[in-house]
């Protein structure tokens, strides 16, 4: 068995070592632009260039080394249509995402962001506590990772809300769906957590109109993709006071340019796309198990619906 490997960061050696241990019957070949790769059975890629597409037409499946597949689907019809694209289901990302979002929600609820500002100014001033019943948390996107975040938040007792493209149910969560349910979902979410896949339908979804639908003094946490948020609109609403603060892990341009106005806005917390890092060994274990199932003619989870974009 032969696997074609590409990583935009060039860090391929540890992946090859893990495959040697976890799928020893496979030989891994690193793709290099300008060199014709030998025919391979499967491909594992992360943020590949367009030049690799001709090699992907020959494999049985393309595995994406992450949960978001927008970097692959952006190629549209040039991406071989007969080859399944398979995303990671979780591979250790769910617990990281739950930690990140829980920390951000609690930081706003307990007003730690405001206390940090006071401390820098040498101020000792207790602030009125937020009422938990007024601090509803809405998760936009109830896939594997979004559901994991909602489960992590449940023990804290916040009113929980979730929105998905199609109707879903989760114990203890007020669930909304579709275009008709989006406005009601937003209007009742004091903290909005964006966990959507990036698709043609979700790009710029959080523009001025939709962010304005949030309650006054709302908060935004974005751990999905930067292109979901209309950045100038968010900045305007923060400066107006309608949005009290935002925690952003993803941006349209990464690294975030040094001249970007977000750096100068103290109510925006910036992290460098670290809310859920791909854990290599867990990823290789999952991919190896899926390859074995495919070789045995068995179904696997995580095949991407290209029409839906996830």
C-alpha atoms as a PDB file:
ATOM      1  CA  UNK A   1       0.000   0.000   0.000  1.00  0.00           C
ATOM      2  CA  UNK A   2       1.277   3.493  -0.815  1.00  0.00           C
ATOM      3  CA  UNK A   3       0.249   6.823   0.752  1.00  0.00           C
ATOM      4  CA  UNK A   4       0.983  10.243  -0.746  1.00  0.00           C
ATOM      5  CA  UNK A   5       1.732  12.829   1.964  1.00  0.00           C
ATOM      6  CA  UNK A   6       1.728  16.619   1.712  1.00  0.00           C
ATOM      7  CA  UNK A   7       1.929  19.195   4.469  1.00  0.00           C
ATOM      8  CA  UNK A   8       2.172  22.919   3.809  1.00  0.00           C
ATOM      9  CA  UNK A   9       4.591  23.282   6.731  1.00  0.00           C
ATOM     10  CA  UNK A  10       6.899  20.573   5.355  1.00  0.00           C
ATOM     11  CA  UNK A  11       6.884  18.715   8.683  1.00  0.00           C
ATOM     12  CA  UNK A  12       6.478  15.223   7.252  1.00  0.00           C
ATOM     13  CA  UNK A  13       9.055  13.087   9.098  1.00  0.00           C
ATOM     14  CA  UNK A  14       7.010  12.574  12.313  1.00  0.00           C
ATOM     15  CA  UNK A  15       3.959  11.600  10.265  1.00  0.00           C
ATOM     16  CA  UNK A  16       5.991   9.055   8.324  1.00  0.00           C
ATOM     17  CA  UNK A  17       7.299   7.595  11.600  1.00  0.00           C
ATOM     18  CA  UNK A  18       3.781   7.256  13.042  1.00  0.00           C
ATOM     19  CA  UNK A  19       2.492   5.543   9.893  1.00  0.00           C
ATOM     20  CA  UNK A  20       5.433   3.138  10.035  1.00  0.00           C
ATOM     21  CA  UNK A  21       4.291   2.100  13.505  1.00  0.00           C
ATOM     22  CA  UNK A  22       0.518   2.245  13.144  1.00  0.00           C
ATOM     23  CA  UNK A  23       0.108   1.145   9.513  1.00  0.00           C
ATOM     24  CA  UNK A  24       3.335  -0.776   8.787  1.00  0.00           C
ATOM     25  CA  UNK A  25       1.971  -2.268   5.585  1.00  0.00           C
ATOM     26  CA  UNK A  26       1.951   1.226   4.038  1.00  0.00           C
ATOM     27  CA  UNK A  27       4.829   3.091   2.416  1.00  0.00           C
ATOM     28  CA  UNK A  28       4.566   6.873   2.661  1.00  0.00           C
ATOM     29  CA  UNK A  29       5.785   9.098  -0.176  1.00  0.00           C
ATOM     30  CA  UNK A  30       6.215  12.853   0.309  1.00  0.00           C
ATOM     31  CA  UNK A  31       4.781  14.875  -2.568  1.00  0.00           C
ATOM     32  CA  UNK A  32       7.131  17.471  -4.040  1.00  0.00           C
ATOM     33  CA  UNK A  33       6.131  19.927  -6.700  1.00  0.00           C
ATOM     34  CA  UNK A  34       7.735  19.244 -10.055  1.00  0.00           C
ATOM     35  CA  UNK A  35       8.392  15.595  -9.277  1.00  0.00           C
ATOM     36  CA  UNK A  36       6.080  12.903 -10.596  1.00  0.00           C
ATOM     37  CA  UNK A  37       4.901  10.820  -7.648  1.00  0.00           C
ATOM     38  CA  UNK A  38       4.577   7.073  -7.970  1.00  0.00           C
ATOM     39  CA  UNK A  39       0.955   5.838  -8.105  1.00  0.00           C
ATOM     40  CA  UNK A  40      -0.505   5.815  -4.590  1.00  0.00           C
ATOM     41  CA  UNK A  41      -3.561   4.224  -3.005  1.00  0.00           C
ATOM     42  CA  UNK A  42      -4.400   7.073  -0.627  1.00  0.00           C
ATOM     43  CA  UNK A  43      -3.387  10.679  -0.011  1.00  0.00           C
ATOM     44  CA  UNK A  44      -3.071  12.670   3.213  1.00  0.00           C
ATOM     45  CA  UNK A  45      -2.882  16.439   2.715  1.00  0.00           C
ATOM     46  CA  UNK A  46      -3.019  19.715   4.569  1.00  0.00           C
ATOM     47  CA  UNK A  47      -3.450  23.029   2.696  1.00  0.00           C
ATOM     48  CA  UNK A  48      -2.253  21.540  -0.600  1.00  0.00           C
ATOM     49  CA  UNK A  49      -1.347  23.556  -3.717  1.00  0.00           C
ATOM     50  CA  UNK A  50      -3.315  23.162  -6.915  1.00  0.00           C
ATOM     51  CA  UNK A  51      -0.388  21.362  -8.535  1.00  0.00           C
ATOM     52  CA  UNK A  52      -1.088  18.250  -6.449  1.00  0.00           C
ATOM     53  CA  UNK A  53      -4.571  17.736  -7.898  1.00  0.00           C
ATOM     54  CA  UNK A  54      -3.444  15.643 -10.838  1.00  0.00           C
ATOM     55  CA  UNK A  55      -1.919  13.135  -8.384  1.00  0.00           C
ATOM     56  CA  UNK A  56      -5.119  12.967  -6.341  1.00  0.00           C
ATOM     57  CA  UNK A  57      -7.123  11.697  -9.305  1.00  0.00           C
ATOM     58  CA  UNK A  58      -5.384   8.331  -8.973  1.00  0.00           C
ATOM     59  CA  UNK A  59      -6.078   7.567  -5.287  1.00  0.00           C
ATOM     60  CA  UNK A  60      -8.971   5.767  -3.596  1.00  0.00           C
ATOM     61  CA  UNK A  61      -9.527   8.541  -1.034  1.00  0.00           C
ATOM     62  CA  UNK A  62      -8.017  11.850   0.067  1.00  0.00           C
ATOM     63  CA  UNK A  63      -7.655  12.320   3.820  1.00  0.00           C
ATOM     64  CA  UNK A  64      -7.574  15.884   5.109  1.00  0.00           C
ATOM     65  CA  UNK A  65      -5.348  16.408   8.165  1.00  0.00           C
ATOM     66  CA  UNK A  66      -7.921  18.535   9.965  1.00  0.00           C
ATOM     67  CA  UNK A  67     -11.636  18.983  10.549  1.00  0.00           C
ATOM     68  CA  UNK A  68     -12.114  21.922   8.148  1.00  0.00           C
ATOM     69  CA  UNK A  69     -11.915  21.012   4.468  1.00  0.00           C
ATOM     70  CA  UNK A  70     -12.292  24.466   2.909  1.00  0.00           C
ATOM     71  CA  UNK A  71      -8.627  24.478   1.827  1.00  0.00           C
ATOM     72  CA  UNK A  72      -9.418  21.452  -0.368  1.00  0.00           C
ATOM     73  CA  UNK A  73     -12.918  22.297  -1.533  1.00  0.00           C
ATOM     74  CA  UNK A  74     -11.803  25.732  -2.736  1.00  0.00           C
ATOM     75  CA  UNK A  75     -10.511  23.952  -5.860  1.00  0.00           C
ATOM     76  CA  UNK A  76     -14.097  23.167  -6.851  1.00  0.00           C
ATOM     77  CA  UNK A  77     -14.504  20.919  -9.873  1.00  0.00           C
ATOM     78  CA  UNK A  78     -10.722  20.731 -10.310  1.00  0.00           C
ATOM     79  CA  UNK A  79     -10.652  18.459  -7.269  1.00  0.00           C
ATOM     80  CA  UNK A  80     -11.285  14.969  -8.709  1.00  0.00           C
ATOM     81  CA  UNK A  81     -15.005  14.344  -8.295  1.00  0.00           C
ATOM     82  CA  UNK A  82     -14.774  10.554  -8.159  1.00  0.00           C
ATOM     83  CA  UNK A  83     -12.401  10.514  -5.170  1.00  0.00           C
ATOM     84  CA  UNK A  84     -13.910  10.708  -1.659  1.00  0.00           C
ATOM     85  CA  UNK A  85     -12.566  13.433   0.633  1.00  0.00           C
ATOM     86  CA  UNK A  86     -12.368  12.346   4.276  1.00  0.00           C
ATOM     87  CA  UNK A  87     -12.036  14.741   7.216  1.00  0.00           C
ATOM     88  CA  UNK A  88     -10.896  14.025  10.749  1.00  0.00           C
ATOM     89  CA  UNK A  89     -13.842  13.370  13.066  1.00  0.00           C
ATOM     90  CA  UNK A  90     -12.185  14.691  16.219  1.00  0.00           C
ATOM     91  CA  UNK A  91      -8.705  13.214  16.822  1.00  0.00           C
ATOM     92  CA  UNK A  92      -8.234  15.125  20.072  1.00  0.00           C
ATOM     93  CA  UNK A  93      -9.537  18.447  18.768  1.00  0.00           C
ATOM     94  CA  UNK A  94     -12.862  18.269  20.608  1.00  0.00           C
ATOM     95  CA  UNK A  95     -11.453  18.492  24.109  1.00  0.00           C
ATOM     96  CA  UNK A  96      -9.089  21.316  23.093  1.00  0.00           C
ATOM     97  CA  UNK A  97     -11.961  23.270  21.580  1.00  0.00           C
ATOM     98  CA  UNK A  98     -14.067  22.673  24.704  1.00  0.00           C
ATOM     99  CA  UNK A  99     -11.233  23.973  26.900  1.00  0.00           C
ATOM    100  CA  UNK A 100     -10.732  27.080  24.798  1.00  0.00           C
ATOM    101  CA  UNK A 101     -14.414  28.024  24.562  1.00  0.00           C
ATOM    102  CA  UNK A 102     -15.134  27.248  28.226  1.00  0.00           C
ATOM    103  CA  UNK A 103     -12.229  29.456  29.269  1.00  0.00           C
ATOM    104  CA  UNK A 104     -13.431  32.324  27.080  1.00  0.00           C
ATOM    105  CA  UNK A 105     -17.046  32.058  28.286  1.00  0.00           C
ATOM    106  CA  UNK A 106     -16.007  31.953  31.959  1.00  0.00           C
ATOM    107  CA  UNK A 107     -13.609  34.838  31.449  1.00  0.00           C
ATOM    108  CA  UNK A 108     -16.471  37.010  30.245  1.00  0.00           C
ATOM    109  CA  UNK A 109     -19.011  35.705  32.756  1.00  0.00           C
ATOM    110  CA  UNK A 110     -16.721  36.258  35.759  1.00  0.00           C
ATOM    111  CA  UNK A 111     -15.561  39.576  34.244  1.00  0.00           C
ATOM    112  CA  UNK A 112     -11.912  38.526  34.368  1.00  0.00           C
ATOM    113  CA  UNK A 113     -11.255  40.553  31.212  1.00  0.00           C
ATOM    114  CA  UNK A 114     -12.416  43.700  33.003  1.00  0.00           C
ATOM    115  CA  UNK A 115     -10.488  42.841  36.161  1.00  0.00           C
ATOM    116  CA  UNK A 116      -7.335  42.399  34.077  1.00  0.00           C
ATOM    117  CA  UNK A 117      -7.836  45.898  32.658  1.00  0.00           C
ATOM    118  CA  UNK A 118      -8.335  47.304  36.154  1.00  0.00           C
ATOM    119  CA  UNK A 119      -5.245  45.526  37.451  1.00  0.00           C
ATOM    120  CA  UNK A 120      -3.082  47.066  34.749  1.00  0.00           C
ATOM    121  CA  UNK A 121      -4.371  50.477  35.857  1.00  0.00           C
ATOM    122  CA  UNK A 122      -3.805  49.707  39.546  1.00  0.00           C
ATOM    123  CA  UNK A 123      -7.528  49.774  40.340  1.00  0.00           C
ATOM    124  CA  UNK A 124      -9.152  47.709  43.107  1.00  0.00           C
ATOM    125  CA  UNK A 125     -12.867  47.712  42.284  1.00  0.00           C
ATOM    126  CA  UNK A 126     -15.228  44.712  42.673  1.00  0.00           C
ATOM    127  CA  UNK A 127     -17.772  44.611  39.832  1.00  0.00           C
ATOM    128  CA  UNK A 128     -21.406  43.433  39.985  1.00  0.00           C
ATOM    129  CA  UNK A 129     -21.686  39.757  39.093  1.00  0.00           C
ATOM    130  CA  UNK A 130     -23.464  38.714  35.900  1.00  0.00           C
ATOM    131  CA  UNK A 131     -26.658  36.705  36.397  1.00  0.00           C
ATOM    132  CA  UNK A 132     -26.171  33.251  34.965  1.00  0.00           C
ATOM    133  CA  UNK A 133     -29.738  33.093  33.671  1.00  0.00           C
ATOM    134  CA  UNK A 134     -28.979  36.211  31.596  1.00  0.00           C
ATOM    135  CA  UNK A 135     -25.769  34.753  30.189  1.00  0.00           C
ATOM    136  CA  UNK A 136     -27.012  32.380  27.516  1.00  0.00           C
ATOM    137  CA  UNK A 137     -24.405  30.735  25.305  1.00  0.00           C
ATOM    138  CA  UNK A 138     -25.269  29.971  21.688  1.00  0.00           C
ATOM    139  CA  UNK A 139     -23.104  27.634  19.623  1.00  0.00           C
ATOM    140  CA  UNK A 140     -23.372  28.211  15.885  1.00  0.00           C
ATOM    141  CA  UNK A 141     -22.698  24.792  14.373  1.00  0.00           C
ATOM    142  CA  UNK A 142     -23.626  21.557  16.146  1.00  0.00           C
ATOM    143  CA  UNK A 143     -21.307  19.076  14.479  1.00  0.00           C
ATOM    144  CA  UNK A 144     -18.893  16.819  16.350  1.00  0.00           C
ATOM    145  CA  UNK A 145     -16.878  19.723  17.772  1.00  0.00           C
ATOM    146  CA  UNK A 146     -19.832  22.029  18.443  1.00  0.00           C
ATOM    147  CA  UNK A 147     -21.688  19.304  20.317  1.00  0.00           C
ATOM    148  CA  UNK A 148     -18.570  18.580  22.357  1.00  0.00           C
ATOM    149  CA  UNK A 149     -18.365  22.245  23.380  1.00  0.00           C
ATOM    150  CA  UNK A 150     -22.017  22.303  24.430  1.00  0.00           C
ATOM    151  CA  UNK A 151     -21.490  19.177  26.535  1.00  0.00           C
ATOM    152  CA  UNK A 152     -18.492  20.802  28.237  1.00  0.00           C
ATOM    153  CA  UNK A 153     -20.466  23.957  29.070  1.00  0.00           C
ATOM    154  CA  UNK A 154     -23.477  22.084  30.477  1.00  0.00           C
ATOM    155  CA  UNK A 155     -22.143  21.584  34.062  1.00  0.00           C
ATOM    156  CA  UNK A 156     -21.715  25.349  34.526  1.00  0.00           C
ATOM    157  CA  UNK A 157     -25.460  25.918  34.304  1.00  0.00           C
ATOM    158  CA  UNK A 158     -25.578  28.498  31.519  1.00  0.00           C
ATOM    159  CA  UNK A 159     -28.693  28.515  29.329  1.00  0.00           C
ATOM    160  CA  UNK A 160     -27.438  26.720  26.220  1.00  0.00           C
ATOM    161  CA  UNK A 161     -28.568  27.177  22.642  1.00  0.00           C
ATOM    162  CA  UNK A 162     -27.440  25.567  19.425  1.00  0.00           C
ATOM    163  CA  UNK A 163     -28.001  26.249  15.732  1.00  0.00           C
ATOM    164  CA  UNK A 164     -27.445  23.876  12.831  1.00  0.00           C
ATOM    165  CA  UNK A 165     -28.339  23.793   9.165  1.00  0.00           C
ATOM    166  CA  UNK A 166     -30.779  20.932   9.787  1.00  0.00           C
ATOM    167  CA  UNK A 167     -32.718  20.208  12.941  1.00  0.00           C
ATOM    168  CA  UNK A 168     -30.820  18.440  15.716  1.00  0.00           C
ATOM    169  CA  UNK A 169     -31.554  17.619  19.325  1.00  0.00           C
ATOM    170  CA  UNK A 170     -29.197  17.654  22.294  1.00  0.00           C
ATOM    171  CA  UNK A 171     -30.297  17.211  25.887  1.00  0.00           C
ATOM    172  CA  UNK A 172     -30.371  20.474  27.798  1.00  0.00           C
ATOM    173  CA  UNK A 173     -29.877  22.600  24.674  1.00  0.00           C
ATOM    174  CA  UNK A 174     -32.486  24.797  22.988  1.00  0.00           C
ATOM    175  CA  UNK A 175     -31.977  23.841  19.344  1.00  0.00           C
ATOM    176  CA  UNK A 176     -32.639  26.002  16.288  1.00  0.00           C
ATOM    177  CA  UNK A 177     -32.134  25.251  12.623  1.00  0.00           C
ATOM    178  CA  UNK A 178     -32.216  26.658   9.129  1.00  0.00           C
ATOM    179  CA  UNK A 179     -32.520  30.207   7.899  1.00  0.00           C
ATOM    180  CA  UNK A 180     -35.859  30.629   9.658  1.00  0.00           C
ATOM    181  CA  UNK A 181     -34.358  29.764  13.053  1.00  0.00           C
ATOM    182  CA  UNK A 182     -31.175  31.808  12.812  1.00  0.00           C
ATOM    183  CA  UNK A 183     -32.598  35.178  13.876  1.00  0.00           C
ATOM    184  CA  UNK A 184     -34.326  33.763  16.955  1.00  0.00           C
ATOM    185  CA  UNK A 185     -31.147  31.906  17.849  1.00  0.00           C
ATOM    186  CA  UNK A 186     -29.042  35.063  17.610  1.00  0.00           C
ATOM    187  CA  UNK A 187     -31.495  37.265  19.502  1.00  0.00           C
ATOM    188  CA  UNK A 188     -31.301  34.972  22.524  1.00  0.00           C
ATOM    189  CA  UNK A 189     -27.522  34.353  22.596  1.00  0.00           C
ATOM    190  CA  UNK A 190     -25.571  36.615  24.956  1.00  0.00           C
ATOM    191  CA  UNK A 191     -22.391  34.765  24.004  1.00  0.00           C
ATOM    192  CA  UNK A 192     -22.126  33.610  20.399  1.00  0.00           C
ATOM    193  CA  UNK A 193     -19.635  30.835  19.645  1.00  0.00           C
ATOM    194  CA  UNK A 194     -18.954  30.325  15.928  1.00  0.00           C
ATOM    195  CA  UNK A 195     -18.042  26.710  15.082  1.00  0.00           C
ATOM    196  CA  UNK A 196     -19.390  26.479  11.545  1.00  0.00           C
ATOM    197  CA  UNK A 197     -17.603  24.934   8.580  1.00  0.00           C
ATOM    198  CA  UNK A 198     -16.677  27.509   5.962  1.00  0.00           C
ATOM    199  CA  UNK A 199     -18.878  27.085   2.898  1.00  0.00           C
ATOM    200  CA  UNK A 200     -20.240  29.463   0.234  1.00  0.00           C
ATOM    201  CA  UNK A 201     -23.344  29.840   2.428  1.00  0.00           C
ATOM    202  CA  UNK A 202     -21.481  30.682   5.645  1.00  0.00           C
ATOM    203  CA  UNK A 203     -18.857  33.132   4.382  1.00  0.00           C
ATOM    204  CA  UNK A 204     -19.558  36.609   5.858  1.00  0.00           C
ATOM    205  CA  UNK A 205     -22.493  35.116   7.752  1.00  0.00           C
ATOM    206  CA  UNK A 206     -21.679  37.244  10.786  1.00  0.00           C
ATOM    207  CA  UNK A 207     -22.094  40.649   9.224  1.00  0.00           C
ATOM    208  CA  UNK A 208     -23.417  43.849  10.758  1.00  0.00           C
ATOM    209  CA  UNK A 209     -27.073  42.814  10.473  1.00  0.00           C
ATOM    210  CA  UNK A 210     -26.628  39.431  12.143  1.00  0.00           C
ATOM    211  CA  UNK A 211     -24.204  40.634  14.801  1.00  0.00           C
ATOM    212  CA  UNK A 212     -26.647  43.462  15.575  1.00  0.00           C
ATOM    213  CA  UNK A 213     -29.312  40.819  16.232  1.00  0.00           C
ATOM    214  CA  UNK A 214     -27.370  39.686  19.302  1.00  0.00           C
ATOM    215  CA  UNK A 215     -28.494  41.170  22.632  1.00  0.00           C
ATOM    216  CA  UNK A 216     -26.818  44.401  23.748  1.00  0.00           C
ATOM    217  CA  UNK A 217     -23.444  43.791  25.444  1.00  0.00           C
ATOM    218  CA  UNK A 218     -23.050  40.431  23.727  1.00  0.00           C
ATOM    219  CA  UNK A 219     -19.778  38.585  23.199  1.00  0.00           C
ATOM    220  CA  UNK A 220     -18.381  36.766  20.175  1.00  0.00           C
ATOM    221  CA  UNK A 221     -16.027  33.768  20.261  1.00  0.00           C
ATOM    222  CA  UNK A 222     -14.818  32.602  16.846  1.00  0.00           C
ATOM    223  CA  UNK A 223     -12.898  29.324  16.615  1.00  0.00           C
ATOM    224  CA  UNK A 224     -14.077  28.349  13.115  1.00  0.00           C
ATOM    225  CA  UNK A 225     -12.757  30.417  10.197  1.00  0.00           C
ATOM    226  CA  UNK A 226     -12.003  34.124   9.923  1.00  0.00           C
ATOM    227  CA  UNK A 227     -14.078  34.459   6.740  1.00  0.00           C
ATOM    228  CA  UNK A 228     -17.275  33.873   8.728  1.00  0.00           C
ATOM    229  CA  UNK A 229     -16.967  37.348  10.240  1.00  0.00           C
ATOM    230  CA  UNK A 230     -17.226  40.661   8.419  1.00  0.00           C
ATOM    231  CA  UNK A 231     -14.304  42.180  10.310  1.00  0.00           C
ATOM    232  CA  UNK A 232     -15.096  45.903   9.780  1.00  0.00           C
ATOM    233  CA  UNK A 233     -18.681  45.290  10.969  1.00  0.00           C
ATOM    234  CA  UNK A 234     -17.475  43.555  14.132  1.00  0.00           C
ATOM    235  CA  UNK A 235     -15.089  46.397  14.879  1.00  0.00           C
ATOM    236  CA  UNK A 236     -17.860  48.968  14.394  1.00  0.00           C
ATOM    237  CA  UNK A 237     -20.203  47.138  16.768  1.00  0.00           C
ATOM    238  CA  UNK A 238     -17.500  46.789  19.416  1.00  0.00           C
ATOM    239  CA  UNK A 239     -16.706  50.493  19.243  1.00  0.00           C
ATOM    240  CA  UNK A 240     -20.429  51.297  19.527  1.00  0.00           C
ATOM    241  CA  UNK A 241     -20.701  49.102  22.633  1.00  0.00           C
ATOM    242  CA  UNK A 242     -23.279  46.698  21.202  1.00  0.00           C
ATOM    243  CA  UNK A 243     -20.645  43.945  21.247  1.00  0.00           C
ATOM    244  CA  UNK A 244     -18.890  44.019  24.617  1.00  0.00           C
ATOM    245  CA  UNK A 245     -15.937  41.904  23.540  1.00  0.00           C
ATOM    246  CA  UNK A 246     -14.663  39.255  21.170  1.00  0.00           C
ATOM    247  CA  UNK A 247     -12.242  36.353  21.462  1.00  0.00           C
ATOM    248  CA  UNK A 248     -10.893  35.516  18.023  1.00  0.00           C
ATOM    249  CA  UNK A 249      -8.658  32.575  17.152  1.00  0.00           C
ATOM    250  CA  UNK A 250      -9.072  32.744  13.363  1.00  0.00           C
ATOM    251  CA  UNK A 251      -8.785  35.539  10.816  1.00  0.00           C
ATOM    252  CA  UNK A 252      -9.155  36.175   7.097  1.00  0.00           C
ATOM    253  CA  UNK A 253      -5.421  36.722   6.773  1.00  0.00           C
ATOM    254  CA  UNK A 254      -3.103  34.681   8.954  1.00  0.00           C
ATOM    255  CA  UNK A 255      -0.805  35.631  10.547  1.00  0.00           C
ATOM    256  CA  UNK A 256      -2.902  38.661  11.401  1.00  0.00           C
ATOM    257  CA  UNK A 257      -1.091  41.653   9.816  1.00  0.00           C
ATOM    258  CA  UNK A 258       0.636  43.920  12.320  1.00  0.00           C
ATOM    259  CA  UNK A 259      -1.277  46.927  11.003  1.00  0.00           C
ATOM    260  CA  UNK A 260      -4.695  45.276  11.466  1.00  0.00           C
ATOM    261  CA  UNK A 261      -6.991  47.422  13.669  1.00  0.00           C
ATOM    262  CA  UNK A 262      -7.908  44.414  15.828  1.00  0.00           C
ATOM    263  CA  UNK A 263      -4.508  44.701  17.514  1.00  0.00           C
ATOM    264  CA  UNK A 264      -5.383  48.173  18.785  1.00  0.00           C
ATOM    265  CA  UNK A 265      -8.832  47.247  20.160  1.00  0.00           C
ATOM    266  CA  UNK A 266      -8.469  46.197  23.831  1.00  0.00           C
ATOM    267  CA  UNK A 267     -11.869  44.475  23.852  1.00  0.00           C
ATOM    268  CA  UNK A 268     -10.666  41.963  21.242  1.00  0.00           C
ATOM    269  CA  UNK A 269      -8.626  39.015  22.495  1.00  0.00           C
ATOM    270  CA  UNK A 270      -6.406  37.490  19.803  1.00  0.00           C
ATOM    271  CA  UNK A 271      -4.874  34.026  19.732  1.00  0.00           C
ATOM    272  CA  UNK A 272      -2.854  32.599  16.793  1.00  0.00           C
ATOM    273  CA  UNK A 273      -5.171  29.802  15.538  1.00  0.00           C
ATOM    274  CA  UNK A 274      -4.435  27.487  18.458  1.00  0.00           C
ATOM    275  CA  UNK A 275      -7.909  26.666  19.803  1.00  0.00           C
ATOM    276  CA  UNK A 276      -7.629  23.068  18.538  1.00  0.00           C
ATOM    277  CA  UNK A 277      -4.309  21.878  17.190  1.00  0.00           C
ATOM    278  CA  UNK A 278      -4.183  18.729  15.078  1.00  0.00           C
ATOM    279  CA  UNK A 279      -2.737  15.966  17.262  1.00  0.00           C
ATOM    280  CA  UNK A 280      -0.558  13.926  14.961  1.00  0.00           C
ATOM    281  CA  UNK A 281      -0.611  10.516  16.597  1.00  0.00           C
ATOM    282  CA  UNK A 282      -4.371  10.565  17.235  1.00  0.00           C
ATOM    283  CA  UNK A 283      -4.874  11.643  13.616  1.00  0.00           C
ATOM    284  CA  UNK A 284      -2.687   8.870  12.212  1.00  0.00           C
ATOM    285  CA  UNK A 285      -4.469   6.293  14.389  1.00  0.00           C
ATOM    286  CA  UNK A 286      -7.826   7.432  13.026  1.00  0.00           C
ATOM    287  CA  UNK A 287      -6.662   7.547   9.414  1.00  0.00           C
ATOM    288  CA  UNK A 288      -4.991   4.126   9.665  1.00  0.00           C
ATOM    289  CA  UNK A 289      -8.206   2.615  11.048  1.00  0.00           C
ATOM    290  CA  UNK A 290     -10.238   4.152   8.235  1.00  0.00           C
ATOM    291  CA  UNK A 291      -7.831   2.917   5.577  1.00  0.00           C
ATOM    292  CA  UNK A 292      -8.087  -0.613   6.960  1.00  0.00           C
ATOM    293  CA  UNK A 293     -11.876  -0.394   6.825  1.00  0.00           C
ATOM    294  CA  UNK A 294     -11.790   0.861   3.237  1.00  0.00           C
ATOM    295  CA  UNK A 295      -9.422  -1.943   2.261  1.00  0.00           C
ATOM    296  CA  UNK A 296     -11.888  -4.401   3.799  1.00  0.00           C
ATOM    297  CA  UNK A 297     -14.786  -2.874   1.861  1.00  0.00           C
ATOM    298  CA  UNK A 298     -16.386  -1.402   5.001  1.00  0.00           C
ATOM    299  CA  UNK A 299     -17.972   2.062   5.395  1.00  0.00           C
ATOM    300  CA  UNK A 300     -16.208   4.879   7.230  1.00  0.00           C
ATOM    301  CA  UNK A 301     -17.291   8.086   8.943  1.00  0.00           C
ATOM    302  CA  UNK A 302     -16.158  11.533   7.897  1.00  0.00           C
ATOM    303  CA  UNK A 303     -16.710  11.437   4.132  1.00  0.00           C
ATOM    304  CA  UNK A 304     -17.297  15.026   3.056  1.00  0.00           C
ATOM    305  CA  UNK A 305     -20.513  16.037   1.321  1.00  0.00           C
ATOM    306  CA  UNK A 306     -19.111  18.443  -1.251  1.00  0.00           C
ATOM    307  CA  UNK A 307     -22.460  20.121  -1.814  1.00  0.00           C
ATOM    308  CA  UNK A 308     -22.795  20.975   1.873  1.00  0.00           C
ATOM    309  CA  UNK A 309     -19.087  21.696   2.266  1.00  0.00           C
ATOM    310  CA  UNK A 310     -18.423  19.430   5.264  1.00  0.00           C
END
